[in-house]
Amino acid sequence: MKTILLLISILIFACGKTLDRPTEAEAFHPSYDKTMESTFYNFKMKDINGKEVDFSEFKGKKLLIVNVASKCGYTKQYAQLQELYAEHGDKIMILGFPANNFGGQEPGSNEEIKEFCSTEFGVTFPMFEKISVKGFDKHPLYRWLSDASQNGWNNEEPSWNFCKYFINEKGELVKFFPSSVAPLDEEILKLIEA
Protein backbone atom coordinates (compact mmCIF):
# COMPACT_ATOMS: atom_id res chain seq x y z
CA MET A 1 0.00 0.00 0.00
CA LYS A 2 2.84 2.41 0.86
CA THR A 3 4.44 1.62 -2.50
CA ILE A 4 1.23 2.50 -4.35
CA LEU A 5 0.85 5.77 -2.42
CA LEU A 6 4.47 6.60 -3.12
CA LEU A 7 3.98 5.97 -6.87
CA ILE A 8 0.83 8.09 -6.93
CA SER A 9 2.67 10.91 -5.13
CA ILE A 10 5.52 10.73 -7.63
CA LEU A 11 3.10 10.83 -10.57
CA ILE A 12 1.22 13.82 -9.15
CA PHE A 13 4.50 15.64 -8.53
CA ALA A 14 5.77 14.83 -12.05
CA CYS A 15 2.50 15.97 -13.68
CA GLY A 16 2.56 19.20 -11.73
CA LYS A 17 6.10 19.93 -12.88
CA THR A 18 5.16 19.21 -16.50
CA LEU A 19 2.38 21.83 -16.35
CA ASP A 20 4.96 24.54 -15.60
CA ARG A 21 6.95 23.78 -18.74
CA PRO A 22 6.20 25.41 -22.08
CA THR A 23 4.39 23.34 -24.67
CA GLU A 24 6.37 21.99 -27.61
CA ALA A 25 5.17 24.93 -29.72
CA GLU A 26 6.19 27.43 -27.05
CA ALA A 27 9.61 25.86 -26.62
CA PHE A 28 10.00 25.76 -30.43
CA HIS A 29 9.40 29.48 -30.80
CA PRO A 30 12.56 31.55 -30.19
CA SER A 31 10.57 34.55 -28.99
CA TYR A 32 8.58 32.58 -26.40
CA ASP A 33 8.58 34.20 -22.99
CA LYS A 34 5.87 33.32 -20.46
CA THR A 35 5.81 36.91 -19.16
CA MET A 36 4.88 38.15 -22.63
CA GLU A 37 1.43 36.64 -22.29
CA SER A 38 0.29 38.94 -19.50
CA THR A 39 -0.30 41.99 -21.67
CA PHE A 40 -0.31 43.01 -25.32
CA TYR A 41 2.28 45.71 -24.61
CA ASN A 42 4.90 43.16 -23.50
CA PHE A 43 5.43 41.87 -27.04
CA LYS A 44 8.49 42.74 -29.09
CA MET A 45 8.60 41.68 -32.73
CA LYS A 46 10.64 42.40 -35.83
CA ASP A 47 9.09 44.48 -38.54
CA ILE A 48 9.38 43.50 -42.20
CA ASN A 49 12.78 45.25 -42.36
CA GLY A 50 14.14 43.26 -39.42
CA LYS A 51 13.96 46.12 -36.89
CA GLU A 52 12.64 45.19 -33.45
CA VAL A 53 9.42 46.95 -32.48
CA ASP A 54 8.44 47.21 -28.82
CA PHE A 55 4.65 47.04 -28.60
CA SER A 56 4.72 49.43 -25.64
CA GLU A 57 5.08 52.07 -28.41
CA PHE A 58 1.39 51.48 -29.16
CA LYS A 59 0.10 52.42 -25.70
CA GLY A 60 -2.82 54.81 -25.96
CA LYS A 61 -3.55 53.87 -29.60
CA LYS A 62 -6.29 51.79 -31.16
CA LEU A 63 -4.95 48.93 -33.28
CA LEU A 64 -6.19 46.65 -36.02
CA ILE A 65 -4.11 43.46 -36.21
CA VAL A 66 -4.44 41.65 -39.56
CA ASN A 67 -2.90 38.42 -40.85
CA VAL A 68 -2.19 39.16 -44.50
CA ALA A 69 -1.25 37.25 -47.66
CA SER A 70 -0.28 38.25 -51.20
CA LYS A 71 -2.04 35.55 -53.23
CA CYS A 72 -5.48 35.36 -51.60
CA GLY A 73 -8.97 36.25 -52.78
CA TYR A 74 -8.97 38.77 -49.93
CA THR A 75 -5.62 40.34 -50.93
CA LYS A 76 -7.51 43.31 -52.40
CA GLN A 77 -8.29 44.25 -48.78
CA TYR A 78 -4.78 45.73 -48.69
CA ALA A 79 -6.26 48.68 -50.60
CA GLN A 80 -8.96 49.26 -47.96
CA LEU A 81 -6.47 48.77 -45.13
CA GLN A 82 -4.27 51.45 -46.68
CA GLU A 83 -7.28 53.73 -47.21
CA LEU A 84 -8.32 53.22 -43.58
CA TYR A 85 -4.79 54.05 -42.43
CA ALA A 86 -4.57 57.12 -44.68
CA GLU A 87 -7.91 58.50 -43.48
CA HIS A 88 -7.81 57.47 -39.81
CA GLY A 89 -4.11 57.00 -39.05
CA ASP A 90 -4.33 59.63 -36.34
CA LYS A 91 -6.81 57.39 -34.47
CA ILE A 92 -5.75 53.84 -35.35
CA MET A 93 -2.61 51.89 -36.22
CA ILE A 94 -2.88 48.98 -38.60
CA LEU A 95 -0.37 46.19 -38.10
CA GLY A 96 0.04 43.64 -40.91
CA PHE A 97 1.38 40.16 -40.21
CA PRO A 98 2.16 38.09 -43.32
CA ALA A 99 1.44 34.40 -42.79
CA ASN A 100 1.54 31.36 -45.05
CA ASN A 101 -0.90 29.25 -43.00
CA PHE A 102 -3.80 29.17 -45.43
CA GLY A 103 -3.47 27.57 -48.86
CA GLY A 104 0.20 28.53 -49.19
CA GLN A 105 -0.98 32.01 -50.20
CA GLU A 106 2.01 33.88 -48.75
CA PRO A 107 5.04 32.00 -50.12
CA GLY A 108 7.29 35.04 -50.50
CA SER A 109 10.20 36.24 -48.41
CA ASN A 110 9.88 39.35 -46.24
CA GLU A 111 11.62 41.36 -48.98
CA GLU A 112 9.23 40.04 -51.68
CA ILE A 113 6.19 40.75 -49.48
CA LYS A 114 7.41 44.29 -48.77
CA GLU A 115 7.96 44.94 -52.49
CA PHE A 116 4.53 43.53 -53.40
CA CYS A 117 2.70 45.62 -50.77
CA SER A 118 4.51 48.79 -51.76
CA THR A 119 4.19 48.34 -55.53
CA GLU A 120 0.66 46.94 -55.74
CA PHE A 121 -1.09 48.79 -52.90
CA GLY A 122 1.19 51.60 -51.71
CA VAL A 123 1.13 50.19 -48.18
CA THR A 124 2.53 52.61 -45.59
CA PHE A 125 1.14 51.06 -42.39
CA PRO A 126 3.52 48.91 -40.31
CA MET A 127 4.19 45.45 -41.70
CA PHE A 128 5.96 42.75 -39.70
CA GLU A 129 8.10 39.75 -40.57
CA LYS A 130 6.32 36.64 -41.78
CA ILE A 131 5.04 34.50 -38.91
CA SER A 132 2.72 31.57 -38.26
CA VAL A 133 -0.74 32.52 -36.96
CA LYS A 134 -2.09 29.01 -36.49
CA GLY A 135 -0.85 25.51 -35.70
CA PHE A 136 1.98 24.07 -33.62
CA ASP A 137 4.33 26.96 -34.41
CA LYS A 138 1.76 29.73 -33.84
CA HIS A 139 3.54 32.93 -32.83
CA PRO A 140 3.04 33.96 -29.17
CA LEU A 141 1.23 37.13 -30.30
CA TYR A 142 -1.43 35.05 -32.06
CA ARG A 143 -1.52 32.68 -29.11
CA TRP A 144 -2.40 35.72 -26.97
CA LEU A 145 -5.01 36.96 -29.48
CA SER A 146 -6.77 33.58 -29.70
CA ASP A 147 -6.62 32.28 -26.11
CA ALA A 148 -9.24 33.59 -23.66
CA SER A 149 -7.02 32.70 -20.70
CA GLN A 150 -4.53 35.27 -22.02
CA ASN A 151 -6.66 38.00 -23.66
CA GLY A 152 -9.69 37.78 -21.35
CA TRP A 153 -12.47 36.52 -23.65
CA ASN A 154 -11.59 35.39 -27.18
CA ASN A 155 -10.68 31.86 -28.31
CA GLU A 156 -11.14 32.50 -32.03
CA GLU A 157 -8.01 32.10 -34.12
CA PRO A 158 -7.72 33.13 -37.75
CA SER A 159 -9.82 30.93 -40.00
CA TRP A 160 -8.23 32.36 -43.17
CA ASN A 161 -6.11 35.28 -44.36
CA PHE A 162 -7.20 38.82 -43.46
CA CYS A 163 -8.87 38.09 -40.12
CA LYS A 164 -8.82 41.16 -37.91
CA TYR A 165 -8.39 41.77 -34.19
CA PHE A 166 -9.31 45.18 -32.76
CA ILE A 167 -7.31 46.36 -29.74
CA ASN A 168 -8.41 49.42 -27.75
CA GLU A 169 -6.21 52.19 -26.30
CA LYS A 170 -5.66 50.17 -23.12
CA GLY A 171 -4.22 47.18 -24.97
CA GLU A 172 -7.41 45.14 -24.54
CA LEU A 173 -8.73 42.90 -27.29
CA VAL A 174 -12.29 44.08 -27.91
CA LYS A 175 -13.39 42.46 -31.19
CA PHE A 176 -12.55 39.72 -33.69
CA PHE A 177 -13.58 40.09 -37.33
CA PRO A 178 -13.41 37.24 -39.86
CA SER A 179 -11.85 37.70 -43.31
CA SER A 180 -15.20 38.52 -44.91
CA VAL A 181 -15.49 41.75 -42.90
CA ALA A 182 -13.93 44.53 -44.99
CA PRO A 183 -11.51 46.98 -43.34
CA LEU A 184 -13.91 49.87 -44.04
CA ASP A 185 -16.86 48.02 -42.51
CA GLU A 186 -19.19 50.25 -40.50
CA GLU A 187 -18.55 48.32 -37.28
CA ILE A 188 -14.78 48.86 -37.55
CA LEU A 189 -15.32 52.57 -38.30
CA LYS A 190 -17.58 52.89 -35.23
CA LEU A 191 -14.92 51.30 -33.01
CA ILE A 192 -12.35 53.76 -34.35
CA GLU A 193 -14.60 56.73 -33.62
CA ALA A 194 -15.78 55.48 -30.20
C-alpha atoms as a PDB file:
ATOM      1  CA  MET A   1       0.000   0.000   0.000  1.00  0.00           C
ATOM      2  CA  LYS A   2       2.843   2.409   0.860  1.00  0.00           C
ATOM      3  CA  THR A   3       4.439   1.618  -2.499  1.00  0.00           C
ATOM      4  CA  ILE A   4       1.233   2.503  -4.351  1.00  0.00           C
ATOM      5  CA  LEU A   5       0.850   5.774  -2.416  1.00  0.00           C
ATOM      6  CA  LEU A   6       4.469   6.601  -3.122  1.00  0.00           C
ATOM      7  CA  LEU A   7       3.984   5.965  -6.868  1.00  0.00           C
ATOM      8  CA  ILE A   8       0.829   8.092  -6.927  1.00  0.00           C
ATOM      9  CA  SER A   9       2.666  10.912  -5.127  1.00  0.00           C
ATOM     10  CA  ILE A  10       5.520  10.734  -7.628  1.00  0.00           C
ATOM     11  CA  LEU A  11       3.095  10.831 -10.571  1.00  0.00           C
ATOM     12  CA  ILE A  12       1.215  13.824  -9.146  1.00  0.00           C
ATOM     13  CA  PHE A  13       4.502  15.641  -8.531  1.00  0.00           C
ATOM     14  CA  ALA A  14       5.768  14.827 -12.051  1.00  0.00           C
ATOM     15  CA  CYS A  15       2.504  15.965 -13.682  1.00  0.00           C
ATOM     16  CA  GLY A  16       2.562  19.202 -11.729  1.00  0.00           C
ATOM     17  CA  LYS A  17       6.104  19.925 -12.878  1.00  0.00           C
ATOM     18  CA  THR A  18       5.157  19.213 -16.498  1.00  0.00           C
ATOM     19  CA  LEU A  19       2.381  21.832 -16.353  1.00  0.00           C
ATOM     20  CA  ASP A  20       4.957  24.537 -15.600  1.00  0.00           C
ATOM     21  CA  ARG A  21       6.948  23.780 -18.741  1.00  0.00           C
ATOM     22  CA  PRO A  22       6.196  25.412 -22.078  1.00  0.00           C
ATOM     23  CA  THR A  23       4.389  23.337 -24.669  1.00  0.00           C
ATOM     24  CA  GLU A  24       6.367  21.990 -27.614  1.00  0.00           C
ATOM     25  CA  ALA A  25       5.168  24.934 -29.718  1.00  0.00           C
ATOM     26  CA  GLU A  26       6.189  27.429 -27.050  1.00  0.00           C
ATOM     27  CA  ALA A  27       9.609  25.863 -26.622  1.00  0.00           C
ATOM     28  CA  PHE A  28      10.002  25.762 -30.432  1.00  0.00           C
ATOM     29  CA  HIS A  29       9.405  29.482 -30.802  1.00  0.00           C
ATOM     30  CA  PRO A  30      12.563  31.545 -30.188  1.00  0.00           C
ATOM     31  CA  SER A  31      10.569  34.554 -28.988  1.00  0.00           C
ATOM     32  CA  TYR A  32       8.576  32.578 -26.396  1.00  0.00           C
ATOM     33  CA  ASP A  33       8.579  34.205 -22.992  1.00  0.00           C
ATOM     34  CA  LYS A  34       5.872  33.322 -20.456  1.00  0.00           C
ATOM     35  CA  THR A  35       5.811  36.908 -19.160  1.00  0.00           C
ATOM     36  CA  MET A  36       4.875  38.146 -22.634  1.00  0.00           C
ATOM     37  CA  GLU A  37       1.427  36.639 -22.286  1.00  0.00           C
ATOM     38  CA  SER A  38       0.295  38.936 -19.501  1.00  0.00           C
ATOM     39  CA  THR A  39      -0.301  41.995 -21.673  1.00  0.00           C
ATOM     40  CA  PHE A  40      -0.314  43.014 -25.315  1.00  0.00           C
ATOM     41  CA  TYR A  41       2.281  45.706 -24.613  1.00  0.00           C
ATOM     42  CA  ASN A  42       4.897  43.163 -23.499  1.00  0.00           C
ATOM     43  CA  PHE A  43       5.427  41.874 -27.042  1.00  0.00           C
ATOM     44  CA  LYS A  44       8.487  42.743 -29.091  1.00  0.00           C
ATOM     45  CA  MET A  45       8.603  41.682 -32.730  1.00  0.00           C
ATOM     46  CA  LYS A  46      10.642  42.401 -35.827  1.00  0.00           C
ATOM     47  CA  ASP A  47       9.090  44.477 -38.544  1.00  0.00           C
ATOM     48  CA  ILE A  48       9.381  43.502 -42.202  1.00  0.00           C
ATOM     49  CA  ASN A  49      12.777  45.250 -42.362  1.00  0.00           C
ATOM     50  CA  GLY A  50      14.141  43.263 -39.419  1.00  0.00           C
ATOM     51  CA  LYS A  51      13.961  46.121 -36.891  1.00  0.00           C
ATOM     52  CA  GLU A  52      12.639  45.190 -33.453  1.00  0.00           C
ATOM     53  CA  VAL A  53       9.417  46.947 -32.481  1.00  0.00           C
ATOM     54  CA  ASP A  54       8.442  47.214 -28.819  1.00  0.00           C
ATOM     55  CA  PHE A  55       4.650  47.043 -28.601  1.00  0.00           C
ATOM     56  CA  SER A  56       4.716  49.426 -25.638  1.00  0.00           C
ATOM     57  CA  GLU A  57       5.077  52.067 -28.410  1.00  0.00           C
ATOM     58  CA  PHE A  58       1.392  51.480 -29.156  1.00  0.00           C
ATOM     59  CA  LYS A  59       0.098  52.420 -25.699  1.00  0.00           C
ATOM     60  CA  GLY A  60      -2.820  54.814 -25.964  1.00  0.00           C
ATOM     61  CA  LYS A  61      -3.551  53.873 -29.598  1.00  0.00           C
ATOM     62  CA  LYS A  62      -6.293  51.785 -31.159  1.00  0.00           C
ATOM     63  CA  LEU A  63      -4.949  48.931 -33.276  1.00  0.00           C
ATOM     64  CA  LEU A  64      -6.194  46.651 -36.023  1.00  0.00           C
ATOM     65  CA  ILE A  65      -4.108  43.464 -36.207  1.00  0.00           C
ATOM     66  CA  VAL A  66      -4.437  41.650 -39.557  1.00  0.00           C
ATOM     67  CA  ASN A  67      -2.902  38.416 -40.846  1.00  0.00           C
ATOM     68  CA  VAL A  68      -2.191  39.156 -44.502  1.00  0.00           C
ATOM     69  CA  ALA A  69      -1.245  37.247 -47.660  1.00  0.00           C
ATOM     70  CA  SER A  70      -0.279  38.247 -51.201  1.00  0.00           C
ATOM     71  CA  LYS A  71      -2.038  35.552 -53.231  1.00  0.00           C
ATOM     72  CA  CYS A  72      -5.476  35.362 -51.601  1.00  0.00           C
ATOM     73  CA  GLY A  73      -8.965  36.245 -52.778  1.00  0.00           C
ATOM     74  CA  TYR A  74      -8.969  38.775 -49.929  1.00  0.00           C
ATOM     75  CA  THR A  75      -5.621  40.344 -50.929  1.00  0.00           C
ATOM     76  CA  LYS A  76      -7.514  43.308 -52.405  1.00  0.00           C
ATOM     77  CA  GLN A  77      -8.293  44.246 -48.775  1.00  0.00           C
ATOM     78  CA  TYR A  78      -4.781  45.728 -48.685  1.00  0.00           C
ATOM     79  CA  ALA A  79      -6.264  48.684 -50.604  1.00  0.00           C
ATOM     80  CA  GLN A  80      -8.961  49.260 -47.963  1.00  0.00           C
ATOM     81  CA  LEU A  81      -6.470  48.770 -45.128  1.00  0.00           C
ATOM     82  CA  GLN A  82      -4.267  51.452 -46.681  1.00  0.00           C
ATOM     83  CA  GLU A  83      -7.284  53.730 -47.207  1.00  0.00           C
ATOM     84  CA  LEU A  84      -8.323  53.219 -43.582  1.00  0.00           C
ATOM     85  CA  TYR A  85      -4.792  54.047 -42.428  1.00  0.00           C
ATOM     86  CA  ALA A  86      -4.571  57.123 -44.679  1.00  0.00           C
ATOM     87  CA  GLU A  87      -7.909  58.495 -43.482  1.00  0.00           C
ATOM     88  CA  HIS A  88      -7.810  57.474 -39.805  1.00  0.00           C
ATOM     89  CA  GLY A  89      -4.109  56.999 -39.052  1.00  0.00           C
ATOM     90  CA  ASP A  90      -4.331  59.632 -36.338  1.00  0.00           C
ATOM     91  CA  LYS A  91      -6.813  57.392 -34.474  1.00  0.00           C
ATOM     92  CA  ILE A  92      -5.748  53.838 -35.353  1.00  0.00           C
ATOM     93  CA  MET A  93      -2.610  51.891 -36.224  1.00  0.00           C
ATOM     94  CA  ILE A  94      -2.879  48.975 -38.602  1.00  0.00           C
ATOM     95  CA  LEU A  95      -0.365  46.185 -38.097  1.00  0.00           C
ATOM     96  CA  GLY A  96       0.036  43.643 -40.910  1.00  0.00           C
ATOM     97  CA  PHE A  97       1.383  40.164 -40.209  1.00  0.00           C
ATOM     98  CA  PRO A  98       2.157  38.091 -43.315  1.00  0.00           C
ATOM     99  CA  ALA A  99       1.443  34.403 -42.795  1.00  0.00           C
ATOM    100  CA  ASN A 100       1.538  31.357 -45.049  1.00  0.00           C
ATOM    101  CA  ASN A 101      -0.899  29.253 -42.997  1.00  0.00           C
ATOM    102  CA  PHE A 102      -3.802  29.173 -45.435  1.00  0.00           C
ATOM    103  CA  GLY A 103      -3.474  27.571 -48.859  1.00  0.00           C
ATOM    104  CA  GLY A 104       0.198  28.529 -49.186  1.00  0.00           C
ATOM    105  CA  GLN A 105      -0.979  32.006 -50.198  1.00  0.00           C
ATOM    106  CA  GLU A 106       2.012  33.876 -48.754  1.00  0.00           C
ATOM    107  CA  PRO A 107       5.037  31.995 -50.121  1.00  0.00           C
ATOM    108  CA  GLY A 108       7.293  35.043 -50.505  1.00  0.00           C
ATOM    109  CA  SER A 109      10.204  36.245 -48.411  1.00  0.00           C
ATOM    110  CA  ASN A 110       9.884  39.349 -46.243  1.00  0.00           C
ATOM    111  CA  GLU A 111      11.617  41.360 -48.979  1.00  0.00           C
ATOM    112  CA  GLU A 112       9.234  40.042 -51.675  1.00  0.00           C
ATOM    113  CA  ILE A 113       6.193  40.755 -49.478  1.00  0.00           C
ATOM    114  CA  LYS A 114       7.410  44.289 -48.769  1.00  0.00           C
ATOM    115  CA  GLU A 115       7.961  44.941 -52.494  1.00  0.00           C
ATOM    116  CA  PHE A 116       4.525  43.533 -53.399  1.00  0.00           C
ATOM    117  CA  CYS A 117       2.704  45.617 -50.771  1.00  0.00           C
ATOM    118  CA  SER A 118       4.509  48.788 -51.764  1.00  0.00           C
ATOM    119  CA  THR A 119       4.185  48.340 -55.535  1.00  0.00           C
ATOM    120  CA  GLU A 120       0.664  46.941 -55.739  1.00  0.00           C
ATOM    121  CA  PHE A 121      -1.093  48.785 -52.896  1.00  0.00           C
ATOM    122  CA  GLY A 122       1.189  51.601 -51.708  1.00  0.00           C
ATOM    123  CA  VAL A 123       1.132  50.194 -48.175  1.00  0.00           C
ATOM    124  CA  THR A 124       2.531  52.605 -45.594  1.00  0.00           C
ATOM    125  CA  PHE A 125       1.139  51.056 -42.395  1.00  0.00           C
ATOM    126  CA  PRO A 126       3.521  48.914 -40.309  1.00  0.00           C
ATOM    127  CA  MET A 127       4.195  45.451 -41.696  1.00  0.00           C
ATOM    128  CA  PHE A 128       5.961  42.748 -39.701  1.00  0.00           C
ATOM    129  CA  GLU A 129       8.101  39.755 -40.574  1.00  0.00           C
ATOM    130  CA  LYS A 130       6.317  36.639 -41.781  1.00  0.00           C
ATOM    131  CA  ILE A 131       5.039  34.496 -38.910  1.00  0.00           C
ATOM    132  CA  SER A 132       2.721  31.565 -38.264  1.00  0.00           C
ATOM    133  CA  VAL A 133      -0.735  32.519 -36.961  1.00  0.00           C
ATOM    134  CA  LYS A 134      -2.085  29.005 -36.494  1.00  0.00           C
ATOM    135  CA  GLY A 135      -0.846  25.508 -35.698  1.00  0.00           C
ATOM    136  CA  PHE A 136       1.982  24.068 -33.623  1.00  0.00           C
ATOM    137  CA  ASP A 137       4.333  26.956 -34.413  1.00  0.00           C
ATOM    138  CA  LYS A 138       1.765  29.734 -33.836  1.00  0.00           C
ATOM    139  CA  HIS A 139       3.536  32.934 -32.832  1.00  0.00           C
ATOM    140  CA  PRO A 140       3.036  33.960 -29.168  1.00  0.00           C
ATOM    141  CA  LEU A 141       1.226  37.133 -30.305  1.00  0.00           C
ATOM    142  CA  TYR A 142      -1.426  35.053 -32.060  1.00  0.00           C
ATOM    143  CA  ARG A 143      -1.519  32.683 -29.111  1.00  0.00           C
ATOM    144  CA  TRP A 144      -2.399  35.719 -26.974  1.00  0.00           C
ATOM    145  CA  LEU A 145      -5.006  36.956 -29.481  1.00  0.00           C
ATOM    146  CA  SER A 146      -6.773  33.577 -29.698  1.00  0.00           C
ATOM    147  CA  ASP A 147      -6.622  32.278 -26.105  1.00  0.00           C
ATOM    148  CA  ALA A 148      -9.236  33.595 -23.663  1.00  0.00           C
ATOM    149  CA  SER A 149      -7.023  32.705 -20.703  1.00  0.00           C
ATOM    150  CA  GLN A 150      -4.530  35.267 -22.023  1.00  0.00           C
ATOM    151  CA  ASN A 151      -6.662  37.997 -23.658  1.00  0.00           C
ATOM    152  CA  GLY A 152      -9.689  37.781 -21.354  1.00  0.00           C
ATOM    153  CA  TRP A 153     -12.472  36.521 -23.646  1.00  0.00           C
ATOM    154  CA  ASN A 154     -11.587  35.387 -27.183  1.00  0.00           C
ATOM    155  CA  ASN A 155     -10.680  31.864 -28.313  1.00  0.00           C
ATOM    156  CA  GLU A 156     -11.140  32.497 -32.030  1.00  0.00           C
ATOM    157  CA  GLU A 157      -8.010  32.101 -34.115  1.00  0.00           C
ATOM    158  CA  PRO A 158      -7.721  33.133 -37.751  1.00  0.00           C
ATOM    159  CA  SER A 159      -9.823  30.931 -40.005  1.00  0.00           C
ATOM    160  CA  TRP A 160      -8.226  32.361 -43.168  1.00  0.00           C
ATOM    161  CA  ASN A 161      -6.107  35.280 -44.362  1.00  0.00           C
ATOM    162  CA  PHE A 162      -7.197  38.823 -43.457  1.00  0.00           C
ATOM    163  CA  CYS A 163      -8.866  38.088 -40.124  1.00  0.00           C
ATOM    164  CA  LYS A 164      -8.825  41.164 -37.914  1.00  0.00           C
ATOM    165  CA  TYR A 165      -8.394  41.773 -34.188  1.00  0.00           C
ATOM    166  CA  PHE A 166      -9.312  45.183 -32.761  1.00  0.00           C
ATOM    167  CA  ILE A 167      -7.308  46.356 -29.735  1.00  0.00           C
ATOM    168  CA  ASN A 168      -8.406  49.421 -27.751  1.00  0.00           C
ATOM    169  CA  GLU A 169      -6.215  52.191 -26.304  1.00  0.00           C
ATOM    170  CA  LYS A 170      -5.659  50.171 -23.119  1.00  0.00           C
ATOM    171  CA  GLY A 171      -4.223  47.182 -24.974  1.00  0.00           C
ATOM    172  CA  GLU A 172      -7.414  45.142 -24.540  1.00  0.00           C
ATOM    173  CA  LEU A 173      -8.735  42.904 -27.291  1.00  0.00           C
ATOM    174  CA  VAL A 174     -12.293  44.083 -27.913  1.00  0.00           C
ATOM    175  CA  LYS A 175     -13.394  42.462 -31.188  1.00  0.00           C
ATOM    176  CA  PHE A 176     -12.547  39.719 -33.686  1.00  0.00           C
ATOM    177  CA  PHE A 177     -13.577  40.092 -37.328  1.00  0.00           C
ATOM    178  CA  PRO A 178     -13.412  37.237 -39.865  1.00  0.00           C
ATOM    179  CA  SER A 179     -11.849  37.703 -43.314  1.00  0.00           C
ATOM    180  CA  SER A 180     -15.203  38.519 -44.914  1.00  0.00           C
ATOM    181  CA  VAL A 181     -15.494  41.755 -42.899  1.00  0.00           C
ATOM    182  CA  ALA A 182     -13.926  44.526 -44.986  1.00  0.00           C
ATOM    183  CA  PRO A 183     -11.513  46.981 -43.342  1.00  0.00           C
ATOM    184  CA  LEU A 184     -13.906  49.871 -44.037  1.00  0.00           C
ATOM    185  CA  ASP A 185     -16.863  48.022 -42.514  1.00  0.00           C
ATOM    186  CA  GLU A 186     -19.192  50.254 -40.498  1.00  0.00           C
ATOM    187  CA  GLU A 187     -18.553  48.320 -37.279  1.00  0.00           C
ATOM    188  CA  ILE A 188     -14.778  48.863 -37.548  1.00  0.00           C
ATOM    189  CA  LEU A 189     -15.316  52.567 -38.299  1.00  0.00           C
ATOM    190  CA  LYS A 190     -17.582  52.889 -35.232  1.00  0.00           C
ATOM    191  CA  LEU A 191     -14.924  51.304 -33.010  1.00  0.00           C
ATOM    192  CA  ILE A 192     -12.352  53.755 -34.355  1.00  0.00           C
ATOM    193  CA  GLU A 193     -14.595  56.734 -33.617  1.00  0.00           C
ATOM    194  CA  ALA A 194     -15.782  55.475 -30.199  1.00  0.00           C
END
